[in-house]
């Protein structure tokens, strides 16, 4: 059974933000800035755009703390969803403004553009979910699923039994699949 401590922290930080406590924003930034910047970086093509989205997300959280609904998901999920939406919006906006050599806008092939956005968004969501996994599961999943190693090779590298590595790999993939099949909806 999950501990209620994260939910309590989410509600406390939300109340502090609503009261205008700058220290609450600082704590939130310290906790989630790597996540936000990492997600934005996976979707957007350049570091400057990712930094801008990071600033926009925390500005939004500061200005609209009441939009967070603890019943709909965790603060981490809400911020991850905000980041994903902002980054995809930014990517679309940037793609719409591209010009060809003649100075005229480059027409977008909507299906290929939509596929690109979907692929980048999915990759960012996978990275977000994987970074949310417990360290032991994450290490095994990164070595096996993303690193191309067998569970036996991962077991040797991690110094665990092959059965443990296989179990961690399966559990990690199950958690990843479950997380990807559900999404925070405010």
Foldseek 3Di string as FASTA:
>chain_A
DDDCVQLVLQVVLLVCLVVVPVVSLVVVCVVCVVLLLLLLVLQDPDSVRSVVLSVVLSVCCSVCSVVDDVVLHGPNQVSNVSSLVSSLVVVVVVQQPDADPVRHRDDDPVVVVVVSNVVSSVVSLLVSQLVVDPPVLSQLQCCPVVVVDDLCVSCVVVVHDSVVSVVSNVVSVVSSVVSVVDGRDD
